[in-house]
Amino acid sequence: MHQSAQSSIAPVLLTWPEVLKATRLSERMARRLIADGKFPAPLRIGERRVRFRAEDVQAWARSYPTAATGGGNAS
């Protein structure tokens, strides 16, 4: 796909509930990870509205270590 074609497609944006369901994180943990720079920051789309880029959340999910992949702490 050409660069110009990619830039004309709007990104898929997720709400807080969609992000929490997809990642299985609590909102508190997600906010902590955002503050620590370990989770994609949301985009402010209004005074009280934020959305997350689906591609950023998916990239985070692929790279985040879990107990199932041997990267988490099982204790």
Protein backbone atom coordinates (compact mmCIF):
# COMPACT_ATOMS: atom_id res chain seq x y z
CA MET A 1 0.00 0.00 0.00
CA HIS A 2 1.30 3.47 -0.83
CA GLN A 3 2.01 6.01 1.90
CA SER A 4 -0.64 8.40 0.55
CA ALA A 5 -3.31 5.67 0.65
CA GLN A 6 -2.47 4.80 4.26
CA SER A 7 -2.66 8.40 5.46
CA SER A 8 -6.18 8.84 4.05
CA ILE A 9 -7.59 6.04 6.20
CA ALA A 10 -8.77 7.19 9.61
CA PRO A 11 -7.38 5.19 12.54
CA VAL A 12 -9.68 2.94 14.54
CA LEU A 13 -10.27 4.56 17.93
CA LEU A 14 -11.24 2.65 21.07
CA THR A 15 -13.12 3.82 24.16
CA TRP A 16 -11.98 3.10 27.73
CA PRO A 17 -14.39 0.14 28.09
CA GLU A 18 -13.18 -1.35 24.80
CA VAL A 19 -9.52 -1.00 25.83
CA LEU A 20 -10.16 -2.53 29.25
CA LYS A 21 -12.05 -5.46 27.74
CA ALA A 22 -9.40 -6.08 25.08
CA THR A 23 -6.46 -5.89 27.49
CA ARG A 24 -8.16 -7.37 30.56
CA LEU A 25 -6.63 -4.58 32.63
CA SER A 26 -8.44 -2.70 35.34
CA GLU A 27 -8.82 1.01 34.69
CA ARG A 28 -6.58 1.71 37.68
CA MET A 29 -3.79 -0.50 36.30
CA ALA A 30 -4.13 0.98 32.80
CA ARG A 31 -3.89 4.51 34.21
CA ARG A 32 -0.81 3.51 36.24
CA LEU A 33 0.84 2.03 33.13
CA ILE A 34 0.02 5.19 31.14
CA ALA A 35 1.55 7.37 33.89
CA ASP A 36 4.68 5.17 33.85
CA GLY A 37 4.92 5.42 30.04
CA LYS A 38 4.30 1.68 29.66
CA PHE A 39 0.92 1.87 27.91
CA PRO A 40 -0.22 4.00 24.96
CA ALA A 41 -1.52 7.38 26.06
CA PRO A 42 -5.07 8.23 25.01
CA LEU A 43 -5.94 10.93 22.50
CA ARG A 44 -8.08 13.75 23.86
CA ILE A 45 -10.96 14.23 21.42
CA GLY A 46 -13.06 16.54 23.55
CA GLU A 47 -13.12 18.24 26.91
CA ARG A 48 -14.05 15.02 28.71
CA ARG A 49 -13.54 12.40 26.00
CA VAL A 50 -10.52 10.31 25.14
CA ARG A 51 -9.91 7.49 22.69
CA PHE A 52 -7.06 5.07 22.15
CA ARG A 53 -5.60 4.14 18.78
CA ALA A 54 -6.41 0.47 18.24
CA GLU A 55 -3.06 -0.11 16.51
CA ASP A 56 -1.18 1.27 19.55
CA VAL A 57 -3.12 -0.95 21.97
CA GLN A 58 -2.59 -3.99 19.73
CA ALA A 59 1.15 -3.29 19.51
CA TRP A 60 1.31 -2.97 23.31
CA ALA A 61 -0.58 -6.27 23.73
CA ARG A 62 1.82 -8.07 21.38
CA SER A 63 4.87 -6.78 23.26
CA TYR A 64 3.61 -6.95 26.85
CA PRO A 65 5.07 -9.94 28.75
CA THR A 66 2.53 -12.27 30.36
CA ALA A 67 2.75 -15.28 32.60
CA ALA A 68 1.60 -17.41 29.65
CA THR A 69 4.64 -16.35 27.59
CA GLY A 70 7.04 -16.74 30.49
CA GLY A 71 7.58 -13.00 30.91
CA GLY A 72 5.35 -12.43 33.92
CA ASN A 73 5.91 -13.04 37.57
CA ALA A 74 3.83 -16.05 38.62
CA SER A 75 4.46 -15.66 42.35
